[in-house]
PDB file of all heavy atoms in Angstrom:
ATOM      1  N   THR A   1     206.321 132.686 -42.041  1.00  0.00           N
ATOM      2  CA  THR A   1     207.372 133.590 -42.425  1.00  0.00           C
ATOM      3  C   THR A   1     208.252 133.003 -43.486  1.00  0.00           C
ATOM      4  O   THR A   1     208.697 131.879 -43.335  1.00  0.00           O
ATOM      5  CB  THR A   1     208.184 134.030 -41.167  1.00  0.00           C
ATOM      6  OG1 THR A   1     207.375 134.542 -40.294  1.00  0.00           O
ATOM      7  CG2 THR A   1     209.287 134.991 -41.525  1.00  0.00           C
ATOM      8  N   LYS A   2     208.488 133.768 -44.574  1.00  0.00           N
ATOM      9  CA  LYS A   2     209.280 133.281 -45.637  1.00  0.00           C
ATOM     10  C   LYS A   2     210.639 134.052 -45.635  1.00  0.00           C
ATOM     11  O   LYS A   2     210.738 135.218 -45.290  1.00  0.00           O
ATOM     12  CB  LYS A   2     208.661 133.423 -46.956  1.00  0.00           C
ATOM     13  CG  LYS A   2     207.509 132.477 -47.223  1.00  0.00           C
ATOM     14  CD  LYS A   2     206.937 132.506 -48.681  1.00  0.00           C
ATOM     15  CE  LYS A   2     205.801 131.572 -48.827  1.00  0.00           C
ATOM     16  NZ  LYS A   2     205.306 131.592 -50.215  1.00  0.00           N
ATOM     17  N   THR A   3     211.714 133.381 -46.087  1.00  0.00           N
ATOM     18  CA  THR A   3     213.054 134.058 -46.130  1.00  0.00           C
ATOM     19  C   THR A   3     213.647 133.741 -47.524  1.00  0.00           C
ATOM     20  O   THR A   3     213.509 132.677 -48.112  1.00  0.00           O
ATOM     21  CB  THR A   3     213.950 133.434 -45.058  1.00  0.00           C
ATOM     22  OG1 THR A   3     213.324 133.688 -43.749  1.00  0.00           O
ATOM     23  CG2 THR A   3     215.323 134.078 -45.114  1.00  0.00           C
ATOM     24  N   LYS A   4     214.322 134.778 -48.034  1.00  0.00           N
ATOM     25  CA  LYS A   4     215.017 134.671 -49.305  1.00  0.00           C
ATOM     26  C   LYS A   4     216.201 133.748 -49.159  1.00  0.00           C
ATOM     27  O   LYS A   4     217.043 133.916 -48.273  1.00  0.00           O
ATOM     28  CB  LYS A   4     215.433 135.991 -49.875  1.00  0.00           C
ATOM     29  CG  LYS A   4     215.944 135.960 -51.259  1.00  0.00           C
ATOM     30  CD  LYS A   4     216.283 137.390 -51.904  1.00  0.00           C
ATOM     31  CE  LYS A   4     216.729 137.276 -53.261  1.00  0.00           C
ATOM     32  NZ  LYS A   4     216.975 138.634 -53.850  1.00  0.00           N
ATOM     33  N   LEU A   5     216.421 132.770 -50.025  1.00  0.00           N
ATOM     34  CA  LEU A   5     217.448 131.825 -49.931  1.00  0.00           C
ATOM     35  C   LEU A   5     218.746 132.422 -50.490  1.00  0.00           C
ATOM     36  O   LEU A   5     218.816 133.196 -51.399  1.00  0.00           O
ATOM     37  CB  LEU A   5     217.156 130.557 -50.688  1.00  0.00           C
ATOM     38  CG  LEU A   5     215.875 129.834 -50.277  1.00  0.00           C
ATOM     39  CD1 LEU A   5     215.603 128.618 -51.175  1.00  0.00           C
ATOM     40  CD2 LEU A   5     216.031 129.342 -48.829  1.00  0.00           C
ATOM     41  N   ASP A   6     219.945 132.088 -49.837  1.00  0.00           N
ATOM     42  CA  ASP A   6     221.210 132.555 -50.273  1.00  0.00           C
ATOM     43  C   ASP A   6     221.507 131.967 -51.624  1.00  0.00           C
ATOM     44  O   ASP A   6     222.155 132.633 -52.452  1.00  0.00           O
ATOM     45  CB  ASP A   6     222.240 132.166 -49.220  1.00  0.00           C
ATOM     46  CG  ASP A   6     222.148 132.811 -47.932  1.00  0.00           C
ATOM     47  OD1 ASP A   6     221.539 133.918 -47.894  1.00  0.00           O
ATOM     48  OD2 ASP A   6     222.504 132.265 -46.859  1.00  0.00           O
ATOM     49  N   LYS A   7     221.071 130.736 -51.849  1.00  0.00           N
ATOM     50  CA  LYS A   7     221.216 130.074 -53.107  1.00  0.00           C
ATOM     51  C   LYS A   7     219.970 129.461 -53.564  1.00  0.00           C
ATOM     52  O   LYS A   7     219.426 128.635 -52.841  1.00  0.00           O
ATOM     53  CB  LYS A   7     222.364 129.064 -53.017  1.00  0.00           C
ATOM     54  CG  LYS A   7     222.726 128.371 -54.320  1.00  0.00           C
ATOM     55  CD  LYS A   7     223.864 127.320 -54.110  1.00  0.00           C
ATOM     56  CE  LYS A   7     224.168 126.572 -55.362  1.00  0.00           C
ATOM     57  NZ  LYS A   7     225.298 125.599 -55.131  1.00  0.00           N
ATOM     58  N   PRO A   8     219.445 129.776 -54.781  1.00  0.00           N
ATOM     59  CA  PRO A   8     218.204 129.172 -55.299  1.00  0.00           C
ATOM     60  C   PRO A   8     218.370 127.653 -55.381  1.00  0.00           C
ATOM     61  O   PRO A   8     219.416 127.100 -55.637  1.00  0.00           O
ATOM     62  CB  PRO A   8     218.025 129.844 -56.636  1.00  0.00           C
ATOM     63  CG  PRO A   8     218.849 131.092 -56.611  1.00  0.00           C
ATOM     64  CD  PRO A   8     219.959 130.802 -55.718  1.00  0.00           C
ATOM     65  N   VAL A   9     217.243 126.983 -55.215  1.00  0.00           N
ATOM     66  CA  VAL A   9     217.247 125.452 -55.298  1.00  0.00           C
ATOM     67  C   VAL A   9     216.238 125.045 -56.285  1.00  0.00           C
ATOM     68  O   VAL A   9     215.252 125.789 -56.633  1.00  0.00           O
ATOM     69  CB  VAL A   9     216.974 124.838 -53.916  1.00  0.00           C
ATOM     70  CG1 VAL A   9     218.014 125.099 -52.956  1.00  0.00           C
ATOM     71  CG2 VAL A   9     215.607 125.214 -53.403  1.00  0.00           C
ATOM     72  N   ASP A  10     216.489 123.932 -56.906  1.00  0.00           N
ATOM     73  CA  ASP A  10     215.539 123.371 -57.935  1.00  0.00           C
ATOM     74  C   ASP A  10     214.521 122.435 -57.298  1.00  0.00           C
ATOM     75  O   ASP A  10     214.924 121.594 -56.443  1.00  0.00           O
ATOM     76  CB  ASP A  10     216.306 122.650 -59.003  1.00  0.00           C
ATOM     77  CG  ASP A  10     217.226 123.532 -59.897  1.00  0.00           C
ATOM     78  OD1 ASP A  10     216.810 124.706 -60.102  1.00  0.00           O
ATOM     79  OD2 ASP A  10     218.286 123.111 -60.273  1.00  0.00           O
ATOM     80  N   ALA A  11     213.258 122.600 -57.605  1.00  0.00           N
ATOM     81  CA  ALA A  11     212.205 121.729 -57.102  1.00  0.00           C
ATOM     82  C   ALA A  11     211.170 121.572 -58.203  1.00  0.00           C
ATOM     83  O   ALA A  11     210.548 122.558 -58.674  1.00  0.00           O
ATOM     84  CB  ALA A  11     211.607 122.390 -55.878  1.00  0.00           C
ATOM     85  N   HIS A  12     211.065 120.301 -58.649  1.00  0.00           N
ATOM     86  CA  HIS A  12     210.085 119.983 -59.718  1.00  0.00           C
ATOM     87  C   HIS A  12     210.274 120.796 -60.989  1.00  0.00           C
ATOM     88  O   HIS A  12     209.359 121.258 -61.592  1.00  0.00           O
ATOM     89  CB  HIS A  12     208.637 120.146 -59.177  1.00  0.00           C
ATOM     90  CG  HIS A  12     208.327 119.295 -57.961  1.00  0.00           C
ATOM     91  ND1 HIS A  12     208.175 117.980 -58.074  1.00  0.00           N
ATOM     92  CD2 HIS A  12     208.196 119.689 -56.667  1.00  0.00           C
ATOM     93  CE1 HIS A  12     207.986 117.500 -56.842  1.00  0.00           C
ATOM     94  NE2 HIS A  12     207.948 118.503 -55.967  1.00  0.00           N
ATOM     95  N   GLY A  13     211.564 121.043 -61.273  1.00  0.00           N
ATOM     96  CA  GLY A  13     211.861 121.768 -62.566  1.00  0.00           C
ATOM     97  C   GLY A  13     211.838 123.219 -62.394  1.00  0.00           C
ATOM     98  O   GLY A  13     212.011 123.984 -63.326  1.00  0.00           O
ATOM     99  N   GLU A  14     211.547 123.761 -61.204  1.00  0.00           N
ATOM    100  CA  GLU A  14     211.477 125.245 -61.007  1.00  0.00           C
ATOM    101  C   GLU A  14     212.526 125.682 -59.923  1.00  0.00           C
ATOM    102  O   GLU A  14     212.809 124.907 -58.980  1.00  0.00           O
ATOM    103  CB  GLU A  14     210.097 125.622 -60.502  1.00  0.00           C
ATOM    104  CG  GLU A  14     208.975 125.372 -61.608  1.00  0.00           C
ATOM    105  CD  GLU A  14     207.602 125.875 -61.130  1.00  0.00           C
ATOM    106  OE1 GLU A  14     207.555 126.446 -60.037  1.00  0.00           O
ATOM    107  OE2 GLU A  14     206.668 125.617 -61.849  1.00  0.00           O
ATOM    108  N   GLN A  15     212.978 126.875 -60.135  1.00  0.00           N
ATOM    109  CA  GLN A  15     213.966 127.409 -59.145  1.00  0.00           C
ATOM    110  C   GLN A  15     213.220 128.072 -58.062  1.00  0.00           C
ATOM    111  O   GLN A  15     212.353 128.907 -58.292  1.00  0.00           O
ATOM    112  CB  GLN A  15     214.942 128.390 -59.832  1.00  0.00           C
ATOM    113  CG  GLN A  15     216.086 127.643 -60.498  1.00  0.00           C
ATOM    114  CD  GLN A  15     217.267 128.597 -60.687  1.00  0.00           C
ATOM    115  OE1 GLN A  15     217.058 129.807 -60.731  1.00  0.00           O
ATOM    116  NE2 GLN A  15     218.443 128.025 -60.785  1.00  0.00           N
ATOM    117  N   ILE A  16     213.575 127.813 -56.815  1.00  0.00           N
ATOM    118  CA  ILE A  16     212.899 128.446 -55.661  1.00  0.00           C
ATOM    119  C   ILE A  16     213.938 129.496 -55.063  1.00  0.00           C
ATOM    120  O   ILE A  16     215.077 129.065 -54.716  1.00  0.00           O
ATOM    121  CB  ILE A  16     212.525 127.380 -54.599  1.00  0.00           C
ATOM    122  CG1 ILE A  16     211.569 126.383 -55.235  1.00  0.00           C
ATOM    123  CG2 ILE A  16     211.936 128.003 -53.367  1.00  0.00           C
ATOM    124  CD1 ILE A  16     211.248 125.235 -54.236  1.00  0.00           C
ATOM    125  N   THR A  17     213.497 130.669 -54.944  1.00  0.00           N
ATOM    126  CA  THR A  17     214.409 131.735 -54.431  1.00  0.00           C
ATOM    127  C   THR A  17     214.119 132.083 -52.915  1.00  0.00           C
ATOM    128  O   THR A  17     214.914 132.738 -52.237  1.00  0.00           O
ATOM    129  CB  THR A  17     214.342 132.937 -55.289  1.00  0.00           C
ATOM    130  OG1 THR A  17     212.885 133.482 -55.259  1.00  0.00           O
ATOM    131  CG2 THR A  17     214.734 132.666 -56.683  1.00  0.00           C
ATOM    132  N   GLU A  18     212.863 131.645 -52.449  1.00  0.00           N
ATOM    133  CA  GLU A  18     212.506 131.906 -51.100  1.00  0.00           C
ATOM    134  C   GLU A  18     211.782 130.689 -50.594  1.00  0.00           C
ATOM    135  O   GLU A  18     211.171 129.984 -51.395  1.00  0.00           O
ATOM    136  CB  GLU A  18     211.711 133.132 -50.874  1.00  0.00           C
ATOM    137  CG  GLU A  18     210.386 133.132 -51.603  1.00  0.00           C
ATOM    138  CD  GLU A  18     209.523 134.372 -51.256  1.00  0.00           C
ATOM    139  OE1 GLU A  18     210.052 135.318 -50.778  1.00  0.00           O
ATOM    140  OE2 GLU A  18     208.349 134.390 -51.567  1.00  0.00           O
ATOM    141  N   ALA A  19     211.832 130.491 -49.304  1.00  0.00           N
ATOM    142  CA  ALA A  19     211.159 129.341 -48.633  1.00  0.00           C
ATOM    143  C   ALA A  19     210.719 129.751 -47.225  1.00  0.00           C
ATOM    144  O   ALA A  19     211.167 130.645 -46.684  1.00  0.00           O
ATOM    145  CB  ALA A  19     212.116 128.111 -48.574  1.00  0.00           C
ATOM    146  N   VAL A  20     209.740 128.861 -46.706  1.00  0.00           N
ATOM    147  CA  VAL A  20     209.254 129.164 -45.384  1.00  0.00           C
ATOM    148  C   VAL A  20     210.436 128.895 -44.375  1.00  0.00           C
ATOM    149  O   VAL A  20     211.007 127.830 -44.388  1.00  0.00           O
ATOM    150  CB  VAL A  20     208.075 128.268 -45.071  1.00  0.00           C
ATOM    151  CG1 VAL A  20     207.692 128.379 -43.617  1.00  0.00           C
ATOM    152  CG2 VAL A  20     206.849 128.651 -45.976  1.00  0.00           C
ATOM    153  N   SER A  21     210.655 129.861 -43.535  1.00  0.00           N
ATOM    154  CA  SER A  21     211.711 129.763 -42.502  1.00  0.00           C
ATOM    155  C   SER A  21     211.153 129.564 -41.103  1.00  0.00           C
ATOM    156  O   SER A  21     211.857 129.103 -40.191  1.00  0.00           O
ATOM    157  CB  SER A  21     212.663 130.959 -42.500  1.00  0.00           C
ATOM    158  OG  SER A  21     211.895 132.134 -42.362  1.00  0.00           O
ATOM    159  N   LYS A  22     209.839 129.963 -40.933  1.00  0.00           N
ATOM    160  CA  LYS A  22     209.346 129.843 -39.591  1.00  0.00           C
ATOM    161  C   LYS A  22     207.737 129.851 -39.599  1.00  0.00           C
ATOM    162  O   LYS A  22     207.202 130.565 -40.514  1.00  0.00           O
ATOM    163  CB  LYS A  22     209.761 131.021 -38.669  1.00  0.00           C
ATOM    164  CG  LYS A  22     209.281 130.944 -37.234  1.00  0.00           C
ATOM    165  CD  LYS A  22     209.987 131.945 -36.373  1.00  0.00           C
ATOM    166  CE  LYS A  22     209.761 133.385 -36.718  1.00  0.00           C
ATOM    167  NZ  LYS A  22     210.310 134.307 -35.763  1.00  0.00           N
ATOM    168  N   VAL A  23     207.151 129.082 -38.779  1.00  0.00           N
ATOM    169  CA  VAL A  23     205.720 129.123 -38.608  1.00  0.00           C
ATOM    170  C   VAL A  23     205.430 129.412 -37.123  1.00  0.00           C
ATOM    171  O   VAL A  23     206.029 128.781 -36.259  1.00  0.00           O
ATOM    172  CB  VAL A  23     204.990 127.799 -39.043  1.00  0.00           C
ATOM    173  CG1 VAL A  23     203.539 127.847 -38.759  1.00  0.00           C
ATOM    174  CG2 VAL A  23     205.309 127.482 -40.447  1.00  0.00           C
ATOM    175  N   THR A  24     204.525 130.417 -36.896  1.00  0.00           N
ATOM    176  CA  THR A  24     204.241 130.828 -35.503  1.00  0.00           C
ATOM    177  C   THR A  24     202.785 130.658 -35.205  1.00  0.00           C
ATOM    178  O   THR A  24     201.878 131.128 -35.966  1.00  0.00           O
ATOM    179  CB  THR A  24     204.617 132.293 -35.308  1.00  0.00           C
ATOM    180  OG1 THR A  24     206.046 132.422 -35.610  1.00  0.00           O
ATOM    181  CG2 THR A  24     204.432 132.703 -33.877  1.00  0.00           C
ATOM    182  N   TRP A  25     202.505 129.985 -34.104  1.00  0.00           N
ATOM    183  CA  TRP A  25     201.058 129.836 -33.635  1.00  0.00           C
ATOM    184  C   TRP A  25     200.924 130.662 -32.352  1.00  0.00           C
ATOM    185  O   TRP A  25     201.668 130.483 -31.436  1.00  0.00           O
ATOM    186  CB  TRP A  25     200.704 128.357 -33.343  1.00  0.00           C
ATOM    187  CG  TRP A  25     200.639 127.472 -34.488  1.00  0.00           C
ATOM    188  CD1 TRP A  25     199.637 127.109 -35.196  1.00  0.00           C
ATOM    189  CD2 TRP A  25     201.798 126.778 -35.149  1.00  0.00           C
ATOM    190  NE1 TRP A  25     199.903 126.219 -36.197  1.00  0.00           N
ATOM    191  CE2 TRP A  25     201.229 125.982 -36.198  1.00  0.00           C
ATOM    192  CE3 TRP A  25     203.194 126.714 -34.852  1.00  0.00           C
ATOM    193  CZ2 TRP A  25     202.117 125.198 -37.009  1.00  0.00           C
ATOM    194  CZ3 TRP A  25     203.970 125.891 -35.646  1.00  0.00           C
ATOM    195  CH2 TRP A  25     203.414 125.147 -36.710  1.00  0.00           C
ATOM    196  N   THR A  26     199.996 131.562 -32.333  1.00  0.00           N
ATOM    197  CA  THR A  26     199.683 132.435 -31.137  1.00  0.00           C
ATOM    198  C   THR A  26     198.252 132.168 -30.715  1.00  0.00           C
ATOM    199  O   THR A  26     197.329 132.390 -31.528  1.00  0.00           O
ATOM    200  CB  THR A  26     199.928 133.873 -31.490  1.00  0.00           C
ATOM    201  OG1 THR A  26     201.301 134.038 -32.025  1.00  0.00           O
ATOM    202  CG2 THR A  26     199.845 134.750 -30.157  1.00  0.00           C
ATOM    203  N   ALA A  27     198.060 131.830 -29.488  1.00  0.00           N
ATOM    204  CA  ALA A  27     196.690 131.594 -28.930  1.00  0.00           C
ATOM    205  C   ALA A  27     195.899 132.954 -28.857  1.00  0.00           C
ATOM    206  O   ALA A  27     196.379 133.875 -28.387  1.00  0.00           O
ATOM    207  CB  ALA A  27     196.771 130.953 -27.544  1.00  0.00           C
ATOM    208  N   ASP A  28     194.694 132.896 -29.335  1.00  0.00           N
ATOM    209  CA  ASP A  28     193.755 133.941 -29.168  1.00  0.00           C
ATOM    210  C   ASP A  28     192.794 133.649 -28.036  1.00  0.00           C
ATOM    211  O   ASP A  28     191.774 134.407 -27.874  1.00  0.00           O
ATOM    212  CB  ASP A  28     193.032 134.324 -30.480  1.00  0.00           C
ATOM    213  CG  ASP A  28     192.284 133.122 -31.012  1.00  0.00           C
ATOM    214  OD1 ASP A  28     192.092 132.130 -30.261  1.00  0.00           O
ATOM    215  OD2 ASP A  28     191.782 133.195 -32.145  1.00  0.00           O
ATOM    216  N   GLY A  29     193.081 132.635 -27.283  1.00  0.00           N
ATOM    217  CA  GLY A  29     192.258 132.303 -26.073  1.00  0.00           C
ATOM    218  C   GLY A  29     193.122 131.840 -25.000  1.00  0.00           C
ATOM    219  O   GLY A  29     194.165 132.513 -24.680  1.00  0.00           O
ATOM    220  N   LYS A  30     192.790 130.749 -24.356  1.00  0.00           N
ATOM    221  CA  LYS A  30     193.549 130.273 -23.224  1.00  0.00           C
ATOM    222  C   LYS A  30     194.803 129.448 -23.550  1.00  0.00           C
ATOM    223  O   LYS A  30     195.731 129.240 -22.729  1.00  0.00           O
ATOM    224  CB  LYS A  30     192.695 129.391 -22.305  1.00  0.00           C
ATOM    225  CG  LYS A  30     191.552 130.187 -21.682  1.00  0.00           C
ATOM    226  CD  LYS A  30     190.694 129.247 -20.817  1.00  0.00           C
ATOM    227  CE  LYS A  30     189.520 130.035 -20.087  1.00  0.00           C
ATOM    228  NZ  LYS A  30     188.761 129.132 -19.284  1.00  0.00           N
ATOM    229  N   GLY A  31     194.871 128.963 -24.824  1.00  0.00           N
ATOM    230  CA  GLY A  31     195.999 128.155 -25.232  1.00  0.00           C
ATOM    231  C   GLY A  31     195.960 126.773 -24.701  1.00  0.00           C
ATOM    232  O   GLY A  31     194.941 126.238 -24.526  1.00  0.00           O
ATOM    233  N   ILE A  32     197.108 126.149 -24.434  1.00  0.00           N
ATOM    234  CA  ILE A  32     197.162 124.776 -23.893  1.00  0.00           C
ATOM    235  C   ILE A  32     197.247 124.810 -22.401  1.00  0.00           C
ATOM    236  O   ILE A  32     198.198 125.317 -21.780  1.00  0.00           O
ATOM    237  CB  ILE A  32     198.398 124.066 -24.528  1.00  0.00           C
ATOM    238  CG1 ILE A  32     198.455 124.179 -25.997  1.00  0.00           C
ATOM    239  CG2 ILE A  32     198.420 122.640 -24.042  1.00  0.00           C
ATOM    240  CD1 ILE A  32     199.749 123.543 -26.625  1.00  0.00           C
ATOM    241  N   ALA A  33     196.208 124.315 -21.727  1.00  0.00           N
ATOM    242  CA  ALA A  33     196.111 124.439 -20.313  1.00  0.00           C
ATOM    243  C   ALA A  33     197.086 123.465 -19.627  1.00  0.00           C
ATOM    244  O   ALA A  33     197.522 122.476 -20.236  1.00  0.00           O
ATOM    245  CB  ALA A  33     194.649 124.100 -19.891  1.00  0.00           C
ATOM    246  N   PRO A  34     197.460 123.636 -18.395  1.00  0.00           N
ATOM    247  CA  PRO A  34     198.296 122.737 -17.660  1.00  0.00           C
ATOM    248  C   PRO A  34     197.737 121.306 -17.668  1.00  0.00           C
ATOM    249  O   PRO A  34     196.553 121.050 -17.542  1.00  0.00           O
ATOM    250  CB  PRO A  34     198.279 123.264 -16.293  1.00  0.00           C
ATOM    251  CG  PRO A  34     198.050 124.791 -16.434  1.00  0.00           C
ATOM    252  CD  PRO A  34     197.094 124.810 -17.572  1.00  0.00           C
ATOM    253  N   GLY A  35     198.666 120.384 -17.888  1.00  0.00           N
ATOM    254  CA  GLY A  35     198.261 119.003 -17.956  1.00  0.00           C
ATOM    255  C   GLY A  35     197.733 118.481 -19.252  1.00  0.00           C
ATOM    256  O   GLY A  35     197.300 117.326 -19.362  1.00  0.00           O
ATOM    257  N   TYR A  36     197.777 119.256 -20.306  1.00  0.00           N
ATOM    258  CA  TYR A  36     197.259 118.925 -21.599  1.00  0.00           C
ATOM    259  C   TYR A  36     198.309 119.095 -22.654  1.00  0.00           C
ATOM    260  O   TYR A  36     199.415 119.715 -22.418  1.00  0.00           O
ATOM    261  CB  TYR A  36     196.053 119.781 -21.999  1.00  0.00           C
ATOM    262  CG  TYR A  36     194.811 119.511 -21.181  1.00  0.00           C
ATOM    263  CD1 TYR A  36     194.633 120.020 -19.911  1.00  0.00           C
ATOM    264  CD2 TYR A  36     193.868 118.544 -21.668  1.00  0.00           C
ATOM    265  CE1 TYR A  36     193.503 119.734 -19.125  1.00  0.00           C
ATOM    266  CE2 TYR A  36     192.756 118.164 -20.861  1.00  0.00           C
ATOM    267  CZ  TYR A  36     192.537 118.835 -19.660  1.00  0.00           C
ATOM    268  OH  TYR A  36     191.495 118.575 -18.913  1.00  0.00           O
ATOM    269  N   PHE A  37     198.035 118.531 -23.857  1.00  0.00           N
ATOM    270  CA  PHE A  37     198.935 118.742 -24.974  1.00  0.00           C
ATOM    271  C   PHE A  37     198.132 119.017 -26.268  1.00  0.00           C
ATOM    272  O   PHE A  37     196.883 118.754 -26.263  1.00  0.00           O
ATOM    273  CB  PHE A  37     199.903 117.581 -25.195  1.00  0.00           C
ATOM    274  CG  PHE A  37     199.184 116.336 -25.895  1.00  0.00           C
ATOM    275  CD1 PHE A  37     199.185 116.271 -27.317  1.00  0.00           C
ATOM    276  CD2 PHE A  37     198.551 115.406 -25.150  1.00  0.00           C
ATOM    277  CE1 PHE A  37     198.517 115.241 -27.953  1.00  0.00           C
ATOM    278  CE2 PHE A  37     197.912 114.357 -25.812  1.00  0.00           C
ATOM    279  CZ  PHE A  37     197.914 114.298 -27.156  1.00  0.00           C
ATOM    280  N   GLU A  38     198.757 119.532 -27.218  1.00  0.00           N
ATOM    281  CA  GLU A  38     198.133 119.855 -28.471  1.00  0.00           C
ATOM    282  C   GLU A  38     199.010 119.572 -29.678  1.00  0.00           C
ATOM    283  O   GLU A  38     200.270 119.658 -29.580  1.00  0.00           O
ATOM    284  CB  GLU A  38     197.580 121.268 -28.564  1.00  0.00           C
ATOM    285  CG  GLU A  38     196.555 121.557 -29.624  1.00  0.00           C
ATOM    286  CD  GLU A  38     195.639 122.691 -29.365  1.00  0.00           C
ATOM    287  OE1 GLU A  38     195.703 123.261 -28.280  1.00  0.00           O
ATOM    288  OE2 GLU A  38     194.910 123.105 -30.227  1.00  0.00           O
ATOM    289  N   LYS A  39     198.432 119.133 -30.787  1.00  0.00           N
ATOM    290  CA  LYS A  39     199.252 118.871 -32.053  1.00  0.00           C
ATOM    291  C   LYS A  39     199.008 119.968 -33.042  1.00  0.00           C
ATOM    292  O   LYS A  39     197.822 120.391 -33.247  1.00  0.00           O
ATOM    293  CB  LYS A  39     198.909 117.472 -32.643  1.00  0.00           C
ATOM    294  CG  LYS A  39     199.275 116.348 -31.741  1.00  0.00           C
ATOM    295  CD  LYS A  39     198.936 114.993 -32.468  1.00  0.00           C
ATOM    296  CE  LYS A  39     199.319 113.791 -31.684  1.00  0.00           C
ATOM    297  NZ  LYS A  39     198.921 112.567 -32.311  1.00  0.00           N
ATOM    298  N   PHE A  40     200.102 120.395 -33.641  1.00  0.00           N
ATOM    299  CA  PHE A  40     200.017 121.504 -34.625  1.00  0.00           C
ATOM    300  C   PHE A  40     200.425 120.861 -36.033  1.00  0.00           C
ATOM    301  O   PHE A  40     201.601 120.684 -36.248  1.00  0.00           O
ATOM    302  CB  PHE A  40     200.956 122.614 -34.268  1.00  0.00           C
ATOM    303  CG  PHE A  40     200.588 123.252 -32.939  1.00  0.00           C
ATOM    304  CD1 PHE A  40     200.941 122.745 -31.740  1.00  0.00           C
ATOM    305  CD2 PHE A  40     199.933 124.492 -32.928  1.00  0.00           C
ATOM    306  CE1 PHE A  40     200.558 123.323 -30.580  1.00  0.00           C
ATOM    307  CE2 PHE A  40     199.468 125.056 -31.751  1.00  0.00           C
ATOM    308  CZ  PHE A  40     199.894 124.477 -30.586  1.00  0.00           C
TER     309      PHE A  40
END
């Protein structure tokens, strides 16, 4: 998910007007079972 910035910022000589505000992972299977972990 990207969001428009209230104030543009400079990055590598370019102005950025929007940036990623959220990343969402949704399981299409069982997900992370009890007693386990996962790295994203």
